[in-house]
C-alpha atoms as a PDB file:
ATOM      1  CA  MET A   1       1.687 -21.087  10.855  1.00  0.00           C
ATOM      2  CA  ARG A   2       1.416 -24.287   8.866  1.00  0.00           C
ATOM      3  CA  ALA A   3       0.723 -23.616   4.690  1.00  0.00           C
ATOM      4  CA  LEU A   4      -0.230 -26.408   2.806  1.00  0.00           C
ATOM      5  CA  VAL A   5       1.710 -27.085  -0.892  1.00  0.00           C
ATOM      6  CA  VAL A   6      -0.209 -29.143  -3.049  1.00  0.00           C
ATOM      7  CA  ALA A   7       1.269 -30.021  -5.827  1.00  0.00           C
ATOM      8  CA  HIS A   8       0.655 -32.423  -8.348  1.00  0.00           C
ATOM      9  CA  ASP A   9       3.685 -33.487  -9.989  1.00  0.00           C
ATOM     10  CA  HIS A  10       7.138 -33.142  -9.700  1.00  0.00           C
ATOM     11  CA  THR A  11       7.739 -30.731 -12.152  1.00  0.00           C
ATOM     12  CA  SER A  12       6.019 -27.546 -10.508  1.00  0.00           C
ATOM     13  CA  PRO A  13       7.831 -26.037  -7.545  1.00  0.00           C
ATOM     14  CA  ILE A  14       6.101 -23.452  -6.245  1.00  0.00           C
ATOM     15  CA  GLY A  15       9.010 -20.721  -6.589  1.00  0.00           C
ATOM     16  CA  PRO A  16       8.267 -16.674  -5.471  1.00  0.00           C
ATOM     17  CA  ILE A  17       4.882 -17.820  -4.544  1.00  0.00           C
ATOM     18  CA  GLY A  18       6.423 -19.798  -1.290  1.00  0.00           C
ATOM     19  CA  GLU A  19       9.030 -17.649  -1.528  1.00  0.00           C
ATOM     20  CA  GLN A  20       7.104 -14.824  -0.254  1.00  0.00           C
ATOM     21  CA  LEU A  21       4.586 -16.777   1.842  1.00  0.00           C
ATOM     22  CA  GLU A  22       7.693 -17.572   3.894  1.00  0.00           C
ATOM     23  CA  ARG A  23       8.741 -14.016   4.041  1.00  0.00           C
ATOM     24  CA  ARG A  24       5.021 -13.304   5.665  1.00  0.00           C
ATOM     25  CA  GLY A  25       6.206 -15.850   8.094  1.00  0.00           C
ATOM     26  CA  TYR A  26       4.466 -19.558   6.640  1.00  0.00           C
ATOM     27  CA  GLN A  27       6.364 -22.925   7.522  1.00  0.00           C
ATOM     28  CA  LEU A  28       5.946 -24.046   4.006  1.00  0.00           C
ATOM     29  CA  GLU A  29       4.853 -28.246   4.218  1.00  0.00           C
ATOM     30  CA  HIS A  30       5.112 -30.042   0.038  1.00  0.00           C
ATOM     31  CA  PHE A  31       2.208 -32.232  -0.722  1.00  0.00           C
ATOM     32  CA  LEU A  32       2.956 -34.409  -3.994  1.00  0.00           C
ATOM     33  CA  ALA A  33       0.283 -36.051  -5.327  1.00  0.00           C
ATOM     34  CA  ILE A  34       1.275 -37.830  -7.902  1.00  0.00           C
ATOM     35  CA  PRO A  35       5.261 -39.371  -8.279  1.00  0.00           C
ATOM     36  CA  PRO A  36       7.524 -39.407 -10.652  1.00  0.00           C
ATOM     37  CA  GLU A  37       6.816 -42.977 -11.531  1.00  0.00           C
ATOM     38  CA  HIS A  38       3.019 -41.712 -12.157  1.00  0.00           C
ATOM     39  CA  PHE A  39       3.319 -38.913 -14.349  1.00  0.00           C
ATOM     40  CA  ASP A  40       2.194 -40.748 -17.452  1.00  0.00           C
ATOM     41  CA  ALA A  41      -0.376 -42.497 -16.263  1.00  0.00           C
ATOM     42  CA  PRO A  42      -1.806 -39.848 -12.932  1.00  0.00           C
ATOM     43  CA  GLY A  43      -5.184 -42.442 -12.287  1.00  0.00           C
ATOM     44  CA  ILE A  44      -3.871 -43.485  -8.538  1.00  0.00           C
ATOM     45  CA  ALA A  45      -4.806 -43.319  -5.758  1.00  0.00           C
ATOM     46  CA  VAL A  46      -4.203 -40.537  -3.113  1.00  0.00           C
ATOM     47  CA  ASP A  47      -4.191 -39.395   0.548  1.00  0.00           C
ATOM     48  CA  PHE A  48      -4.499 -35.656   0.310  1.00  0.00           C
ATOM     49  CA  PRO A  49      -3.685 -33.694   3.754  1.00  0.00           C
ATOM     50  CA  ASP A  50      -6.390 -32.381   5.679  1.00  0.00           C
ATOM     51  CA  PHE A  51      -6.230 -29.497   4.085  1.00  0.00           C
ATOM     52  CA  THR A  52      -8.237 -27.860   7.547  1.00  0.00           C
ATOM     53  CA  ALA A  53      -5.014 -28.941   9.553  1.00  0.00           C
ATOM     54  CA  TYR A  54      -3.654 -25.195   8.052  1.00  0.00           C
ATOM     55  CA  ASP A  55      -3.493 -21.692   8.531  1.00  0.00           C
ATOM     56  CA  ALA A  56      -3.277 -21.648   4.588  1.00  0.00           C
ATOM     57  CA  VAL A  57      -3.254 -24.075   1.559  1.00  0.00           C
ATOM     58  CA  VAL A  58      -1.959 -23.445  -1.939  1.00  0.00           C
ATOM     59  CA  VAL A  59      -2.601 -25.516  -4.349  1.00  0.00           C
ATOM     60  CA  LEU A  60      -0.582 -25.309  -7.704  1.00  0.00           C
ATOM     61  CA  GLY A  61      -1.432 -26.769 -11.430  1.00  0.00           C
ATOM     62  CA  ALA A  62      -1.508 -30.033 -13.356  1.00  0.00           C
ATOM     63  CA  ILE A  63      -0.962 -30.738 -16.969  1.00  0.00           C
ATOM     64  CA  TRP A  64      -4.054 -32.795 -17.124  1.00  0.00           C
ATOM     65  CA  SER A  65      -8.262 -31.662 -16.876  1.00  0.00           C
ATOM     66  CA  VAL A  66     -10.294 -31.793 -13.686  1.00  0.00           C
ATOM     67  CA  TYR A  67     -13.645 -33.034 -15.616  1.00  0.00           C
ATOM     68  CA  ASP A  68     -10.892 -35.718 -17.117  1.00  0.00           C
ATOM     69  CA  GLU A  69     -11.698 -38.407 -15.168  1.00  0.00           C
ATOM     70  CA  ALA A  70     -10.985 -41.184 -17.917  1.00  0.00           C
ATOM     71  CA  THR A  71      -7.016 -40.106 -17.194  1.00  0.00           C
ATOM     72  CA  ILE A  72      -6.772 -38.950 -13.072  1.00  0.00           C
ATOM     73  CA  GLY A  73      -8.588 -41.083 -11.405  1.00  0.00           C
ATOM     74  CA  ALA A  74     -11.560 -40.186  -7.929  1.00  0.00           C
ATOM     75  CA  TRP A  75      -8.798 -38.637  -6.710  1.00  0.00           C
ATOM     76  CA  ILE A  76      -9.873 -35.196  -8.020  1.00  0.00           C
ATOM     77  CA  HIS A  77     -13.146 -35.850  -6.198  1.00  0.00           C
ATOM     78  CA  ASP A  78     -11.145 -35.534  -3.137  1.00  0.00           C
ATOM     79  CA  GLU A  79      -9.320 -32.768  -3.763  1.00  0.00           C
ATOM     80  CA  ILE A  80     -12.714 -30.871  -4.223  1.00  0.00           C
ATOM     81  CA  ALA A  81     -13.846 -32.715  -1.345  1.00  0.00           C
ATOM     82  CA  GLN A  82     -11.264 -31.168   0.745  1.00  0.00           C
ATOM     83  CA  VAL A  83     -11.210 -27.638  -0.734  1.00  0.00           C
ATOM     84  CA  ARG A  84     -14.748 -27.491   0.747  1.00  0.00           C
ATOM     85  CA  ALA A  85     -14.155 -28.784   3.404  1.00  0.00           C
ATOM     86  CA  ALA A  86     -11.714 -25.733   3.679  1.00  0.00           C
ATOM     87  CA  ASP A  87     -13.574 -23.070   2.504  1.00  0.00           C
ATOM     88  CA  ALA A  88     -16.117 -24.326   5.594  1.00  0.00           C
ATOM     89  CA  ALA A  89     -13.361 -24.293   7.904  1.00  0.00           C
ATOM     90  CA  GLY A  90     -12.761 -21.240   7.529  1.00  0.00           C
ATOM     91  CA  VAL A  91      -9.162 -22.050   5.844  1.00  0.00           C
ATOM     92  CA  PRO A  92      -7.618 -19.277   3.122  1.00  0.00           C
ATOM     93  CA  VAL A  93      -7.134 -21.466  -0.397  1.00  0.00           C
ATOM     94  CA  LEU A  94      -5.306 -20.519  -2.817  1.00  0.00           C
ATOM     95  CA  GLY A  95      -5.721 -22.085  -6.183  1.00  0.00           C
ATOM     96  CA  ILE A  96      -3.266 -22.096  -9.409  1.00  0.00           C
ATOM     97  CA  CYS A  97      -4.219 -22.801 -13.279  1.00  0.00           C
ATOM     98  CA  PHE A  98      -5.465 -26.253 -12.551  1.00  0.00           C
ATOM     99  CA  GLY A  99      -5.895 -24.840  -8.848  1.00  0.00           C
ATOM    100  CA  GLY A 100      -7.736 -21.998  -9.468  1.00  0.00           C
ATOM    101  CA  GLN A 101     -10.378 -24.749 -11.728  1.00  0.00           C
ATOM    102  CA  VAL A 102     -10.391 -26.748  -8.594  1.00  0.00           C
ATOM    103  CA  LEU A 103     -11.864 -24.161  -6.742  1.00  0.00           C
ATOM    104  CA  ALA A 104     -14.398 -22.808  -9.506  1.00  0.00           C
ATOM    105  CA  ALA A 105     -15.144 -26.508  -9.723  1.00  0.00           C
ATOM    106  CA  ALA A 106     -15.726 -27.049  -5.588  1.00  0.00           C
ATOM    107  CA  HIS A 107     -17.943 -24.212  -5.551  1.00  0.00           C
ATOM    108  CA  GLY A 108     -20.462 -23.744  -7.837  1.00  0.00           C
ATOM    109  CA  GLY A 109     -18.727 -23.138 -10.669  1.00  0.00           C
ATOM    110  CA  SER A 110     -17.579 -26.041 -13.475  1.00  0.00           C
ATOM    111  CA  VAL A 111     -14.529 -26.458 -16.023  1.00  0.00           C
ATOM    112  CA  GLU A 112     -14.162 -26.206 -19.687  1.00  0.00           C
ATOM    113  CA  ARG A 113     -12.118 -26.870 -22.909  1.00  0.00           C
ATOM    114  CA  ALA A 114     -11.227 -22.949 -23.991  1.00  0.00           C
ATOM    115  CA  ALA A 115     -11.730 -22.166 -27.255  1.00  0.00           C
ATOM    116  CA  HIS A 116      -7.765 -21.716 -27.858  1.00  0.00           C
ATOM    117  CA  ALA A 117      -4.599 -22.570 -25.650  1.00  0.00           C
ATOM    118  CA  GLU A 118      -3.210 -19.634 -23.962  1.00  0.00           C
ATOM    119  CA  ILE A 119       0.679 -20.509 -23.181  1.00  0.00           C
ATOM    120  CA  GLY A 120       3.667 -18.306 -22.986  1.00  0.00           C
ATOM    121  CA  TRP A 121       3.435 -14.924 -22.062  1.00  0.00           C
ATOM    122  CA  THR A 122       0.152 -13.247 -22.025  1.00  0.00           C
ATOM    123  CA  ASP A 123      -2.212  -9.682 -20.633  1.00  0.00           C
ATOM    124  CA  VAL A 124      -4.191  -9.735 -17.865  1.00  0.00           C
ATOM    125  CA  HIS A 125      -6.379  -6.994 -17.272  1.00  0.00           C
ATOM    126  CA  SER A 126      -7.081  -7.019 -13.518  1.00  0.00           C
ATOM    127  CA  VAL A 127      -9.773  -4.769 -11.837  1.00  0.00           C
ATOM    128  CA  ASP A 128      -8.849  -4.951  -7.756  1.00  0.00           C
ATOM    129  CA  GLU A 129      -4.794  -4.409  -8.295  1.00  0.00           C
ATOM    130  CA  SER A 130      -4.269  -4.679  -4.569  1.00  0.00           C
ATOM    131  CA  VAL A 131      -5.452  -7.745  -5.091  1.00  0.00           C
ATOM    132  CA  VAL A 132      -4.710  -9.370  -8.921  1.00  0.00           C
ATOM    133  CA  PRO A 133      -1.893  -7.019  -9.879  1.00  0.00           C
ATOM    134  CA  GLY A 134      -2.239  -6.631 -13.663  1.00  0.00           C
ATOM    135  CA  GLY A 135       0.123  -6.856 -16.391  1.00  0.00           C
ATOM    136  CA  PRO A 136       1.677 -10.167 -18.019  1.00  0.00           C
ATOM    137  CA  TRP A 137       2.040 -13.251 -16.693  1.00  0.00           C
ATOM    138  CA  PHE A 138       3.023 -16.753 -18.120  1.00  0.00           C
ATOM    139  CA  GLN A 139      -0.224 -18.926 -19.165  1.00  0.00           C
ATOM    140  CA  TRP A 140      -0.135 -22.637 -20.018  1.00  0.00           C
ATOM    141  CA  HIS A 141      -3.816 -23.787 -20.477  1.00  0.00           C
ATOM    142  CA  PHE A 142      -5.940 -25.506 -22.487  1.00  0.00           C
ATOM    143  CA  ASP A 143      -8.882 -25.674 -19.903  1.00  0.00           C
ATOM    144  CA  ARG A 144     -10.532 -22.858 -18.237  1.00  0.00           C
ATOM    145  CA  TRP A 145     -13.448 -22.063 -15.361  1.00  0.00           C
ATOM    146  CA  VAL A 146     -16.839 -21.317 -15.684  1.00  0.00           C
ATOM    147  CA  THR A 147     -16.967 -18.820 -12.360  1.00  0.00           C
ATOM    148  CA  PRO A 148     -19.059 -19.622  -9.811  1.00  0.00           C
ATOM    149  CA  PRO A 149     -22.025 -17.386  -9.688  1.00  0.00           C
ATOM    150  CA  ASP A 150     -21.480 -16.062  -5.605  1.00  0.00           C
ATOM    151  CA  ALA A 151     -17.414 -14.943  -6.771  1.00  0.00           C
ATOM    152  CA  GLU A 152     -16.098 -11.915  -7.027  1.00  0.00           C
ATOM    153  CA  LEU A 153     -14.421 -11.661 -10.777  1.00  0.00           C
ATOM    154  CA  LEU A 154     -10.849 -10.036 -10.397  1.00  0.00           C
ATOM    155  CA  ALA A 155      -9.002 -10.420 -13.545  1.00  0.00           C
ATOM    156  CA  SER A 156      -9.855 -11.779 -17.295  1.00  0.00           C
ATOM    157  CA  ASN A 157      -8.290 -11.446 -20.701  1.00  0.00           C
ATOM    158  CA  GLY A 158     -10.166 -12.194 -23.908  1.00  0.00           C
ATOM    159  CA  ALA A 159      -9.230 -15.998 -23.754  1.00  0.00           C
ATOM    160  CA  ALA A 160     -10.514 -16.734 -19.974  1.00  0.00           C
ATOM    161  CA  PRO A 161     -11.839 -15.320 -16.455  1.00  0.00           C
ATOM    162  CA  GLN A 162      -8.005 -15.072 -14.952  1.00  0.00           C
ATOM    163  CA  ALA A 163      -8.934 -15.018 -11.123  1.00  0.00           C
ATOM    164  CA  PHE A 164     -11.647 -14.325  -8.932  1.00  0.00           C
ATOM    165  CA  ALA A 165     -12.679 -14.066  -4.844  1.00  0.00           C
ATOM    166  CA  LEU A 166     -14.948 -16.183  -3.288  1.00  0.00           C
ATOM    167  CA  ARG A 167     -14.797 -15.772   0.662  1.00  0.00           C
ATOM    168  CA  ARG A 168     -11.722 -16.802   1.205  1.00  0.00           C
ATOM    169  CA  ASN A 169     -10.299 -18.245  -1.293  1.00  0.00           C
ATOM    170  CA  LEU A 170      -8.104 -16.738  -4.488  1.00  0.00           C
ATOM    171  CA  ALA A 171      -8.087 -18.333  -7.627  1.00  0.00           C
ATOM    172  CA  VAL A 172      -5.932 -17.768 -10.448  1.00  0.00           C
ATOM    173  CA  GLN A 173      -5.971 -18.661 -13.954  1.00  0.00           C
ATOM    174  CA  PHE A 174      -1.978 -17.752 -14.783  1.00  0.00           C
ATOM    175  CA  HIS A 175       0.933 -19.359 -13.560  1.00  0.00           C
ATOM    176  CA  PRO A 176       2.809 -16.791 -11.044  1.00  0.00           C
ATOM    177  CA  GLU A 177       4.594 -19.434  -9.326  1.00  0.00           C
ATOM    178  CA  LEU A 178       6.963 -19.292 -12.565  1.00  0.00           C
ATOM    179  CA  THR A 179      10.290 -19.670 -13.139  1.00  0.00           C
ATOM    180  CA  GLY A 180      12.506 -19.842 -16.399  1.00  0.00           C
ATOM    181  CA  ALA A 181      14.282 -23.111 -14.560  1.00  0.00           C
ATOM    182  CA  SER A 182      10.617 -24.462 -13.557  1.00  0.00           C
ATOM    183  CA  LEU A 183       9.359 -23.709 -17.270  1.00  0.00           C
ATOM    184  CA  LEU A 184      12.592 -25.366 -18.600  1.00  0.00           C
ATOM    185  CA  GLY A 185      11.302 -28.888 -16.431  1.00  0.00           C
ATOM    186  CA  TRP A 186       7.411 -28.471 -17.805  1.00  0.00           C
ATOM    187  CA  LEU A 187       9.550 -28.046 -21.511  1.00  0.00           C
ATOM    188  CA  ASP A 188      11.324 -31.326 -20.721  1.00  0.00           C
ATOM    189  CA  ASN A 189       8.319 -32.985 -19.563  1.00  0.00           C
ATOM    190  CA  GLY A 190       7.024 -33.495 -22.712  1.00  0.00           C
ATOM    191  CA  GLY A 191       6.108 -29.556 -22.880  1.00  0.00           C
ATOM    192  CA  TYR A 192       7.983 -29.151 -26.285  1.00  0.00           C
ATOM    193  CA  ALA A 193       5.414 -31.231 -27.974  1.00  0.00           C
ATOM    194  CA  GLY A 194       2.847 -29.992 -26.460  1.00  0.00           C
ATOM    195  CA  ALA A 195       3.546 -26.087 -27.520  1.00  0.00           C
ATOM    196  CA  ARG A 196       4.974 -26.912 -30.567  1.00  0.00           C
ATOM    197  CA  ALA A 197       1.491 -28.889 -31.702  1.00  0.00           C
ATOM    198  CA  ALA A 198      -0.483 -26.421 -30.453  1.00  0.00           C
ATOM    199  CA  GLY A 199       1.616 -23.480 -32.153  1.00  0.00           C
ATOM    200  CA  PHE A 200       3.716 -21.643 -29.852  1.00  0.00           C
ATOM    201  CA  ASP A 201       7.169 -21.289 -29.754  1.00  0.00           C
ATOM    202  CA  ALA A 202       8.943 -22.850 -27.056  1.00  0.00           C
ATOM    203  CA  GLY A 203      12.464 -20.711 -27.843  1.00  0.00           C
ATOM    204  CA  MET A 204      10.698 -17.433 -27.740  1.00  0.00           C
ATOM    205  CA  MET A 205       9.139 -18.832 -24.293  1.00  0.00           C
ATOM    206  CA  LEU A 206      12.125 -19.262 -22.798  1.00  0.00           C
ATOM    207  CA  THR A 207      13.711 -15.709 -24.265  1.00  0.00           C
ATOM    208  CA  GLU A 208      10.474 -14.068 -22.498  1.00  0.00           C
ATOM    209  CA  THR A 209      11.343 -15.534 -20.025  1.00  0.00           C
ATOM    210  CA  ASP A 210      14.213 -14.868 -19.157  1.00  0.00           C
ATOM    211  CA  ARG A 211      13.652 -11.113 -19.172  1.00  0.00           C
ATOM    212  CA  LEU A 212      10.038 -10.741 -17.550  1.00  0.00           C
ATOM    213  CA  GLN A 213      10.901 -13.102 -14.244  1.00  0.00           C
ATOM    214  CA  ALA A 214      12.422 -10.695 -12.151  1.00  0.00           C
ATOM    215  CA  ASP A 215       9.398  -8.389 -12.099  1.00  0.00           C
ATOM    216  CA  ALA A 216       6.499 -11.165 -12.365  1.00  0.00           C
ATOM    217  CA  ALA A 217       7.981 -12.784  -9.358  1.00  0.00           C
ATOM    218  CA  GLY A 218       7.590  -9.197  -7.928  1.00  0.00           C
ATOM    219  CA  ARG A 219       4.378  -8.891  -9.061  1.00  0.00           C
ATOM    220  CA  ALA A 220       3.123 -12.418  -7.669  1.00  0.00           C
ATOM    221  CA  ALA A 221       5.041 -10.873  -4.197  1.00  0.00           C
ATOM    222  CA  LEU A 222       1.913  -8.783  -4.309  1.00  0.00           C
ATOM    223  CA  LEU A 223      -0.456 -11.588  -5.425  1.00  0.00           C
ATOM    224  CA  VAL A 224       0.783 -13.060  -2.135  1.00  0.00           C
ATOM    225  CA  ASP A 225      -0.342 -10.131   0.150  1.00  0.00           C
ATOM    226  CA  GLY A 226      -2.889  -8.960  -1.696  1.00  0.00           C
ATOM    227  CA  PHE A 227      -3.975 -12.701  -0.436  1.00  0.00           C
ATOM    228  CA  LEU A 228      -3.126 -12.557   2.821  1.00  0.00           C
ATOM    229  CA  ASP A 229      -4.075  -9.186   3.589  1.00  0.00           C
ATOM    230  CA  ARG A 230      -7.258  -8.905   1.791  1.00  0.00           C
ATOM    231  CA  ILE A 231      -9.021 -12.199   0.753  1.00  0.00           C
ATOM    232  CA  ALA A 232      -7.859 -14.562   4.180  1.00  0.00           C
ATOM    233  CA  PRO A 233      -8.889 -11.407   7.005  1.00  0.00           C
ATOM    234  CA  ARG A 234     -12.497 -12.127   4.975  1.00  0.00           C
END
């Protein structure tokens, strides 16, 4: 079985999500949408792989907004079209943060600026622990989705909807793929300034990540199992 992993930038590895997919028998094929030399100017032409050629697709996060075509260019429309094609073909898609927002935009929801940013470890309330385990998850987002009308809301908190399922698609707003190393990558690529400007303490985030990442990795594995065993077979 083959799973396509769509990364939008070079600082966002798939981490424990990919590890569990491999344990479940998937061969990962990675696609990087925006190479490092275009990180500061992502409005380039992107030739996405055919999502329907895979047994599953994981769409990862990004520092940009789904609706900010002035910055990211027209490739977002191509990605949304690929997500819709995967849905029509019955290919399961797991969308993480920006990827979850892409799923929302593709299937009748929308994406908007959140009332306030979520950065760091936050509580998430799950209504179905067999798919989305509750507990603290790492967040880094300034936008939020409006859940598609036909979707099943699976998790939320006071800041934003946190997970929904729609047919064979699962969207999560938080970052189950995060590790301490990937957080350092984000911080070193503009995250220190971004967190400070939003009023968050990067040092505290690193300390909390060191304390919580092992437990979160276990819940990330359960999330993959929920996606494969409960959502993908629909």
